[in-house]
Amino acid sequence: MAEKSRKLELLGVVTSDKMDKTVVVTVERMEKHPVFEKYIRRRARFKAHDERNECRPGDKVLIRECRPLSKDKSWRVVKILERQE
């Protein structure tokens, strides 16, 4: 029996919506430094597919990994969790 593949989901903030049907989402995580044991803020930027061009900069969104849609885009916006006023 084949196992169902689990897709990775991340929470992030939309930083750019200047492309058609694509948004840039910044995901932040806190990571502990191995020697100094201080927490460091790490950021990663992903291009995500936004089918209806609904996202605006500042919106908190949930993105899910998917098949490659273009050279840089292999994430899809699942849900807008919080709107920026």
PDB file of N, CA and C in Angstrom:
ATOM      1  N   MET A   1       0.840  -1.184   0.000  1.00  0.00           N
ATOM      2  CA  MET A   1       0.000   0.000   0.000  1.00  0.00           C
ATOM      3  C   MET A   1       0.885   1.248   0.000  1.00  0.00           C
ATOM      4  N   ALA A   2       0.598   2.177  -0.866  1.00  0.00           N
ATOM      5  CA  ALA A   2       1.404   3.386  -0.984  1.00  0.00           C
ATOM      6  C   ALA A   2       1.072   4.351   0.141  1.00  0.00           C
ATOM      7  N   GLU A   3       2.119   4.958   0.707  1.00  0.00           N
ATOM      8  CA  GLU A   3       1.907   5.945   1.758  1.00  0.00           C
ATOM      9  C   GLU A   3       1.511   7.283   1.154  1.00  0.00           C
ATOM     10  N   LYS A   4       0.669   7.983   1.875  1.00  0.00           N
ATOM     11  CA  LYS A   4       0.260   9.312   1.443  1.00  0.00           C
ATOM     12  C   LYS A   4       1.386  10.284   1.767  1.00  0.00           C
ATOM     13  N   SER A   5       1.849  11.032   0.776  1.00  0.00           N
ATOM     14  CA  SER A   5       2.948  11.969   1.025  1.00  0.00           C
ATOM     15  C   SER A   5       2.410  13.195   1.753  1.00  0.00           C
ATOM     16  N   ARG A   6       3.150  13.624   2.760  1.00  0.00           N
ATOM     17  CA  ARG A   6       2.757  14.805   3.517  1.00  0.00           C
ATOM     18  C   ARG A   6       3.423  16.020   2.922  1.00  0.00           C
ATOM     19  N   LYS A   7       2.644  17.049   2.694  1.00  0.00           N
ATOM     20  CA  LYS A   7       3.150  18.297   2.142  1.00  0.00           C
ATOM     21  C   LYS A   7       3.530  19.220   3.288  1.00  0.00           C
ATOM     22  N   LEU A   8       4.636  19.893   3.118  1.00  0.00           N
ATOM     23  CA  LEU A   8       5.116  20.827   4.120  1.00  0.00           C
ATOM     24  C   LEU A   8       4.289  22.103   4.058  1.00  0.00           C
ATOM     25  N   GLU A   9       3.866  22.605   5.242  1.00  0.00           N
ATOM     26  CA  GLU A   9       3.117  23.856   5.325  1.00  0.00           C
ATOM     27  C   GLU A   9       3.873  24.827   6.210  1.00  0.00           C
ATOM     28  N   LEU A  10       3.893  26.097   5.820  1.00  0.00           N
ATOM     29  CA  LEU A  10       4.594  27.134   6.566  1.00  0.00           C
ATOM     30  C   LEU A  10       3.716  28.368   6.716  1.00  0.00           C
ATOM     31  N   LEU A  11       3.947  29.116   7.803  1.00  0.00           N
ATOM     32  CA  LEU A  11       3.274  30.393   8.023  1.00  0.00           C
ATOM     33  C   LEU A  11       4.251  31.503   7.703  1.00  0.00           C
ATOM     34  N   GLY A  12       3.777  32.528   7.007  1.00  0.00           N
ATOM     35  CA  GLY A  12       4.664  33.633   6.657  1.00  0.00           C
ATOM     36  C   GLY A  12       3.895  34.902   6.375  1.00  0.00           C
ATOM     37  N   VAL A  13       4.647  35.942   6.040  1.00  0.00           N
ATOM     38  CA  VAL A  13       4.081  37.258   5.754  1.00  0.00           C
ATOM     39  C   VAL A  13       4.411  37.611   4.304  1.00  0.00           C
ATOM     40  N   VAL A  14       3.399  38.100   3.579  1.00  0.00           N
ATOM     41  CA  VAL A  14       3.601  38.504   2.185  1.00  0.00           C
ATOM     42  C   VAL A  14       4.437  39.785   2.173  1.00  0.00           C
ATOM     43  N   THR A  15       5.552  39.755   1.419  1.00  0.00           N
ATOM     44  CA  THR A  15       6.413  40.938   1.333  1.00  0.00           C
ATOM     45  C   THR A  15       6.303  41.630  -0.017  1.00  0.00           C
ATOM     46  N   SER A  16       5.842  40.920  -1.053  1.00  0.00           N
ATOM     47  CA  SER A  16       5.707  41.536  -2.374  1.00  0.00           C
ATOM     48  C   SER A  16       4.584  40.855  -3.141  1.00  0.00           C
ATOM     49  N   ASP A  17       3.808  41.669  -3.887  1.00  0.00           N
ATOM     50  CA  ASP A  17       2.752  41.118  -4.749  1.00  0.00           C
ATOM     51  C   ASP A  17       2.821  41.753  -6.132  1.00  0.00           C
ATOM     52  N   LYS A  18       4.011  42.138  -6.562  1.00  0.00           N
ATOM     53  CA  LYS A  18       4.164  42.881  -7.809  1.00  0.00           C
ATOM     54  C   LYS A  18       4.074  42.006  -9.052  1.00  0.00           C
ATOM     55  N   MET A  19       4.130  40.681  -8.880  1.00  0.00           N
ATOM     56  CA  MET A  19       4.029  39.774 -10.030  1.00  0.00           C
ATOM     57  C   MET A  19       2.586  39.315 -10.197  1.00  0.00           C
ATOM     58  N   ASP A  20       2.250  38.844 -11.383  1.00  0.00           N
ATOM     59  CA  ASP A  20       0.908  38.349 -11.644  1.00  0.00           C
ATOM     60  C   ASP A  20       0.789  36.925 -11.118  1.00  0.00           C
ATOM     61  N   LYS A  21      -0.195  36.700 -10.208  1.00  0.00           N
ATOM     62  CA  LYS A  21      -0.479  35.393  -9.617  1.00  0.00           C
ATOM     63  C   LYS A  21       0.683  34.810  -8.811  1.00  0.00           C
ATOM     64  N   THR A  22       1.606  35.661  -8.374  1.00  0.00           N
ATOM     65  CA  THR A  22       2.733  35.217  -7.559  1.00  0.00           C
ATOM     66  C   THR A  22       2.968  36.219  -6.451  1.00  0.00           C
ATOM     67  N   VAL A  23       3.240  35.713  -5.243  1.00  0.00           N
ATOM     68  CA  VAL A  23       3.598  36.568  -4.119  1.00  0.00           C
ATOM     69  C   VAL A  23       4.901  36.053  -3.513  1.00  0.00           C
ATOM     70  N   VAL A  24       5.652  36.957  -2.900  1.00  0.00           N
ATOM     71  CA  VAL A  24       6.853  36.574  -2.172  1.00  0.00           C
ATOM     72  C   VAL A  24       6.482  36.535  -0.696  1.00  0.00           C
ATOM     73  N   VAL A  25       6.723  35.383  -0.057  1.00  0.00           N
ATOM     74  CA  VAL A  25       6.367  35.178   1.339  1.00  0.00           C
ATOM     75  C   VAL A  25       7.648  35.003   2.148  1.00  0.00           C
ATOM     76  N   THR A  26       7.786  35.769   3.233  1.00  0.00           N
ATOM     77  CA  THR A  26       8.933  35.655   4.128  1.00  0.00           C
ATOM     78  C   THR A  26       8.519  34.847   5.347  1.00  0.00           C
ATOM     79  N   VAL A  27       9.281  33.786   5.611  1.00  0.00           N
ATOM     80  CA  VAL A  27       9.019  32.908   6.748  1.00  0.00           C
ATOM     81  C   VAL A  27      10.162  33.087   7.737  1.00  0.00           C
ATOM     82  N   GLU A  28       9.825  33.385   8.997  1.00  0.00           N
ATOM     83  CA  GLU A  28      10.835  33.567  10.036  1.00  0.00           C
ATOM     84  C   GLU A  28      10.805  32.402  11.005  1.00  0.00           C
ATOM     85  N   ARG A  29      12.006  32.030  11.507  1.00  0.00           N
ATOM     86  CA  ARG A  29      12.096  31.007  12.534  1.00  0.00           C
ATOM     87  C   ARG A  29      13.189  31.412  13.517  1.00  0.00           C
ATOM     88  N   MET A  30      13.080  30.968  14.738  1.00  0.00           N
ATOM     89  CA  MET A  30      14.090  31.235  15.761  1.00  0.00           C
ATOM     90  C   MET A  30      14.942  29.976  15.906  1.00  0.00           C
ATOM     91  N   GLU A  31      16.254  30.193  15.910  1.00  0.00           N
ATOM     92  CA  GLU A  31      17.194  29.080  15.959  1.00  0.00           C
ATOM     93  C   GLU A  31      18.203  29.357  17.065  1.00  0.00           C
ATOM     94  N   LYS A  32      18.518  28.343  17.858  1.00  0.00           N
ATOM     95  CA  LYS A  32      19.462  28.527  18.949  1.00  0.00           C
ATOM     96  C   LYS A  32      20.890  28.353  18.439  1.00  0.00           C
ATOM     97  N   HIS A  33      21.769  29.291  18.787  1.00  0.00           N
ATOM     98  CA  HIS A  33      23.170  29.206  18.378  1.00  0.00           C
ATOM     99  C   HIS A  33      23.830  28.053  19.143  1.00  0.00           C
ATOM    100  N   PRO A  34      24.580  27.187  18.431  1.00  0.00           N
ATOM    101  CA  PRO A  34      25.136  25.997  19.086  1.00  0.00           C
ATOM    102  C   PRO A  34      26.163  26.296  20.188  1.00  0.00           C
ATOM    103  N   VAL A  35      26.918  27.380  20.088  1.00  0.00           N
ATOM    104  CA  VAL A  35      27.950  27.688  21.074  1.00  0.00           C
ATOM    105  C   VAL A  35      27.457  28.696  22.104  1.00  0.00           C
ATOM    106  N   PHE A  36      26.931  29.823  21.628  1.00  0.00           N
ATOM    107  CA  PHE A  36      26.557  30.912  22.526  1.00  0.00           C
ATOM    108  C   PHE A  36      25.161  30.755  23.111  1.00  0.00           C
ATOM    109  N   GLU A  37      24.370  29.850  22.578  1.00  0.00           N
ATOM    110  CA  GLU A  37      23.027  29.534  23.065  1.00  0.00           C
ATOM    111  C   GLU A  37      22.091  30.732  23.097  1.00  0.00           C
ATOM    112  N   LYS A  38      22.345  31.699  22.203  1.00  0.00           N
ATOM    113  CA  LYS A  38      21.403  32.798  22.018  1.00  0.00           C
ATOM    114  C   LYS A  38      20.476  32.421  20.871  1.00  0.00           C
ATOM    115  N   TYR A  39      19.286  32.980  20.884  1.00  0.00           N
ATOM    116  CA  TYR A  39      18.359  32.717  19.784  1.00  0.00           C
ATOM    117  C   TYR A  39      18.600  33.712  18.658  1.00  0.00           C
ATOM    118  N   ILE A  40      18.665  33.181  17.444  1.00  0.00           N
ATOM    119  CA  ILE A  40      18.923  33.987  16.256  1.00  0.00           C
ATOM    120  C   ILE A  40      17.697  33.904  15.359  1.00  0.00           C
ATOM    121  N   ARG A  41      17.304  35.047  14.793  1.00  0.00           N
ATOM    122  CA  ARG A  41      16.169  35.077  13.875  1.00  0.00           C
ATOM    123  C   ARG A  41      16.666  34.742  12.476  1.00  0.00           C
ATOM    124  N   ARG A  42      16.108  33.701  11.882  1.00  0.00           N
ATOM    125  CA  ARG A  42      16.462  33.291  10.522  1.00  0.00           C
ATOM    126  C   ARG A  42      15.258  33.516   9.616  1.00  0.00           C
ATOM    127  N   ARG A  43      15.529  33.985   8.394  1.00  0.00           N
ATOM    128  CA  ARG A  43      14.449  34.255   7.437  1.00  0.00           C
ATOM    129  C   ARG A  43      14.675  33.468   6.165  1.00  0.00           C
ATOM    130  N   ALA A  44      13.579  33.051   5.549  1.00  0.00           N
ATOM    131  CA  ALA A  44      13.628  32.411   4.238  1.00  0.00           C
ATOM    132  C   ALA A  44      12.519  33.034   3.403  1.00  0.00           C
ATOM    133  N   ARG A  45      12.796  33.240   2.121  1.00  0.00           N
ATOM    134  CA  ARG A  45      11.807  33.838   1.217  1.00  0.00           C
ATOM    135  C   ARG A  45      11.391  32.809   0.180  1.00  0.00           C
ATOM    136  N   PHE A  46      10.091  32.676  -0.024  1.00  0.00           N
ATOM    137  CA  PHE A  46       9.550  31.727  -0.986  1.00  0.00           C
ATOM    138  C   PHE A  46       8.618  32.456  -1.944  1.00  0.00           C
ATOM    139  N   LYS A  47       8.628  32.047  -3.207  1.00  0.00           N
ATOM    140  CA  LYS A  47       7.636  32.542  -4.159  1.00  0.00           C
ATOM    141  C   LYS A  47       6.481  31.543  -4.145  1.00  0.00           C
ATOM    142  N   ALA A  48       5.276  32.070  -3.976  1.00  0.00           N
ATOM    143  CA  ALA A  48       4.092  31.219  -3.859  1.00  0.00           C
ATOM    144  C   ALA A  48       3.046  31.635  -4.878  1.00  0.00           C
ATOM    145  N   HIS A  49       2.291  30.648  -5.362  1.00  0.00           N
ATOM    146  CA  HIS A  49       1.254  30.875  -6.361  1.00  0.00           C
ATOM    147  C   HIS A  49      -0.011  31.379  -5.673  1.00  0.00           C
ATOM    148  N   ASP A  50      -0.527  32.509  -6.139  1.00  0.00           N
ATOM    149  CA  ASP A  50      -1.763  33.117  -5.624  1.00  0.00           C
ATOM    150  C   ASP A  50      -2.720  33.234  -6.803  1.00  0.00           C
ATOM    151  N   GLU A  51      -3.553  32.238  -6.977  1.00  0.00           N
ATOM    152  CA  GLU A  51      -4.390  32.104  -8.179  1.00  0.00           C
ATOM    153  C   GLU A  51      -5.269  33.320  -8.440  1.00  0.00           C
ATOM    154  N   ARG A  52      -5.883  33.900  -7.384  1.00  0.00           N
ATOM    155  CA  ARG A  52      -6.840  34.989  -7.582  1.00  0.00           C
ATOM    156  C   ARG A  52      -6.274  36.366  -7.278  1.00  0.00           C
ATOM    157  N   ASN A  53      -4.964  36.487  -7.115  1.00  0.00           N
ATOM    158  CA  ASN A  53      -4.316  37.766  -6.788  1.00  0.00           C
ATOM    159  C   ASN A  53      -4.966  38.453  -5.589  1.00  0.00           C
ATOM    160  N   GLU A  54      -5.255  37.689  -4.526  1.00  0.00           N
ATOM    161  CA  GLU A  54      -5.930  38.236  -3.350  1.00  0.00           C
ATOM    162  C   GLU A  54      -4.964  38.792  -2.316  1.00  0.00           C
ATOM    163  N   CYS A  55      -3.750  38.295  -2.269  1.00  0.00           N
ATOM    164  CA  CYS A  55      -2.799  38.667  -1.216  1.00  0.00           C
ATOM    165  C   CYS A  55      -2.241  40.060  -1.432  1.00  0.00           C
ATOM    166  N   ARG A  56      -2.037  40.760  -0.318  1.00  0.00           N
ATOM    167  CA  ARG A  56      -1.435  42.080  -0.324  1.00  0.00           C
ATOM    168  C   ARG A  56      -0.246  42.070   0.637  1.00  0.00           C
ATOM    169  N   PRO A  57       0.723  42.964   0.458  1.00  0.00           N
ATOM    170  CA  PRO A  57       1.861  43.002   1.387  1.00  0.00           C
ATOM    171  C   PRO A  57       1.403  43.199   2.828  1.00  0.00           C
ATOM    172  N   GLY A  58       1.983  42.407   3.724  1.00  0.00           N
ATOM    173  CA  GLY A  58       1.632  42.466   5.136  1.00  0.00           C
ATOM    174  C   GLY A  58       0.660  41.388   5.573  1.00  0.00           C
ATOM    175  N   ASP A  59       0.004  40.716   4.634  1.00  0.00           N
ATOM    176  CA  ASP A  59      -0.938  39.649   4.986  1.00  0.00           C
ATOM    177  C   ASP A  59      -0.191  38.444   5.538  1.00  0.00           C
ATOM    178  N   LYS A  60      -0.755  37.822   6.598  1.00  0.00           N
ATOM    179  CA  LYS A  60      -0.215  36.559   7.097  1.00  0.00           C
ATOM    180  C   LYS A  60      -0.896  35.441   6.318  1.00  0.00           C
ATOM    181  N   VAL A  61      -0.093  34.531   5.762  1.00  0.00           N
ATOM    182  CA  VAL A  61      -0.641  33.468   4.915  1.00  0.00           C
ATOM    183  C   VAL A  61      -0.071  32.111   5.304  1.00  0.00           C
ATOM    184  N   LEU A  62      -0.805  31.077   4.926  1.00  0.00           N
ATOM    185  CA  LEU A  62      -0.361  29.693   5.062  1.00  0.00           C
ATOM    186  C   LEU A  62      -0.014  29.216   3.662  1.00  0.00           C
ATOM    187  N   ILE A  63       1.228  28.727   3.473  1.00  0.00           N
ATOM    188  CA  ILE A  63       1.641  28.227   2.163  1.00  0.00           C
ATOM    189  C   ILE A  63       1.953  26.742   2.267  1.00  0.00           C
ATOM    190  N   ARG A  64       1.717  26.027   1.166  1.00  0.00           N
ATOM    191  CA  ARG A  64       1.940  24.579   1.113  1.00  0.00           C
ATOM    192  C   ARG A  64       2.827  24.251  -0.079  1.00  0.00           C
ATOM    193  N   GLU A  65       3.749  23.340   0.128  1.00  0.00           N
ATOM    194  CA  GLU A  65       4.640  22.903  -0.936  1.00  0.00           C
ATOM    195  C   GLU A  65       3.844  22.144  -1.993  1.00  0.00           C
ATOM    196  N   CYS A  66       4.213  22.328  -3.258  1.00  0.00           N
ATOM    197  CA  CYS A  66       3.529  21.649  -4.356  1.00  0.00           C
ATOM    198  C   CYS A  66       4.544  21.340  -5.455  1.00  0.00           C
ATOM    199  N   ARG A  67       4.058  20.843  -6.548  1.00  0.00           N
ATOM    200  CA  ARG A  67       4.945  20.553  -7.673  1.00  0.00           C
ATOM    201  C   ARG A  67       5.520  21.864  -8.201  1.00  0.00           C
ATOM    202  N   PRO A  68       6.659  21.833  -8.898  1.00  0.00           N
ATOM    203  CA  PRO A  68       7.198  23.074  -9.448  1.00  0.00           C
ATOM    204  C   PRO A  68       6.245  23.695 -10.474  1.00  0.00           C
ATOM    205  N   LEU A  69       5.917  24.967 -10.261  1.00  0.00           N
ATOM    206  CA  LEU A  69       5.018  25.690 -11.165  1.00  0.00           C
ATOM    207  C   LEU A  69       5.792  26.569 -12.132  1.00  0.00           C
ATOM    208  N   SER A  70       7.026  26.915 -11.770  1.00  0.00           N
ATOM    209  CA  SER A  70       7.920  27.678 -12.633  1.00  0.00           C
ATOM    210  C   SER A  70       9.337  27.443 -12.116  1.00  0.00           C
ATOM    211  N   LYS A  71      10.276  28.197 -12.620  1.00  0.00           N
ATOM    212  CA  LYS A  71      11.677  28.017 -12.214  1.00  0.00           C
ATOM    213  C   LYS A  71      11.870  28.199 -10.704  1.00  0.00           C
ATOM    214  N   ASP A  72      11.243  29.226 -10.130  1.00  0.00           N
ATOM    215  CA  ASP A  72      11.435  29.544  -8.715  1.00  0.00           C
ATOM    216  C   ASP A  72      10.236  29.208  -7.829  1.00  0.00           C
ATOM    217  N   LYS A  73       9.120  28.856  -8.421  1.00  0.00           N
ATOM    218  CA  LYS A  73       7.864  28.766  -7.667  1.00  0.00           C
ATOM    219  C   LYS A  73       7.419  27.324  -7.484  1.00  0.00           C
ATOM    220  N   SER A  74       7.470  26.848  -6.221  1.00  0.00           N
ATOM    221  CA  SER A  74       6.957  25.509  -5.931  1.00  0.00           C
ATOM    222  C   SER A  74       6.177  25.507  -4.615  1.00  0.00           C
ATOM    223  N   TRP A  75       5.509  26.615  -4.341  1.00  0.00           N
ATOM    224  CA  TRP A  75       4.636  26.767  -3.171  1.00  0.00           C
ATOM    225  C   TRP A  75       3.319  27.365  -3.629  1.00  0.00           C
ATOM    226  N   ARG A  76       2.265  27.104  -2.868  1.00  0.00           N
ATOM    227  CA  ARG A  76       0.929  27.586  -3.194  1.00  0.00           C
ATOM    228  C   ARG A  76       0.307  28.204  -1.944  1.00  0.00           C
ATOM    229  N   VAL A  77      -0.353  29.350  -2.089  1.00  0.00           N
ATOM    230  CA  VAL A  77      -1.039  29.980  -0.963  1.00  0.00           C
ATOM    231  C   VAL A  77      -2.307  29.173  -0.687  1.00  0.00           C
ATOM    232  N   VAL A  78      -2.414  28.669   0.551  1.00  0.00           N
ATOM    233  CA  VAL A  78      -3.571  27.862   0.936  1.00  0.00           C
ATOM    234  C   VAL A  78      -4.670  28.757   1.506  1.00  0.00           C
ATOM    235  N   LYS A  79      -4.257  29.677   2.414  1.00  0.00           N
ATOM    236  CA  LYS A  79      -5.248  30.474   3.130  1.00  0.00           C
ATOM    237  C   LYS A  79      -4.619  31.790   3.584  1.00  0.00           C
ATOM    238  N   ILE A  80      -5.413  32.847   3.525  1.00  0.00           N
ATOM    239  CA  ILE A  80      -5.001  34.123   4.112  1.00  0.00           C
ATOM    240  C   ILE A  80      -5.523  34.124   5.545  1.00  0.00           C
ATOM    241  N   LEU A  81      -4.597  34.139   6.518  1.00  0.00           N
ATOM    242  CA  LEU A  81      -4.987  34.038   7.910  1.00  0.00           C
ATOM    243  C   LEU A  81      -5.335  35.383   8.531  1.00  0.00           C
ATOM    244  N   GLU A  82      -4.615  36.435   8.128  1.00  0.00           N
ATOM    245  CA  GLU A  82      -4.838  37.751   8.704  1.00  0.00           C
ATOM    246  C   GLU A  82      -4.540  38.815   7.658  1.00  0.00           C
ATOM    247  N   ARG A  83      -5.461  39.744   7.489  1.00  0.00           N
ATOM    248  CA  ARG A  83      -5.301  40.821   6.507  1.00  0.00           C
ATOM    249  C   ARG A  83      -4.560  42.001   7.114  1.00  0.00           C
ATOM    250  N   GLN A  84      -3.738  42.661   6.305  1.00  0.00           N
ATOM    251  CA  GLN A  84      -3.083  43.895   6.711  1.00  0.00           C
ATOM    252  C   GLN A  84      -4.027  45.050   6.392  1.00  0.00           C
ATOM    253  N   GLU A  85      -4.235  45.917   7.343  1.00  0.00           N
ATOM    254  CA  GLU A  85      -5.149  47.052   7.139  1.00  0.00           C
ATOM    255  C   GLU A  85      -4.448  48.180   6.425  1.00  0.00           C
TER     256      GLU A  85
END
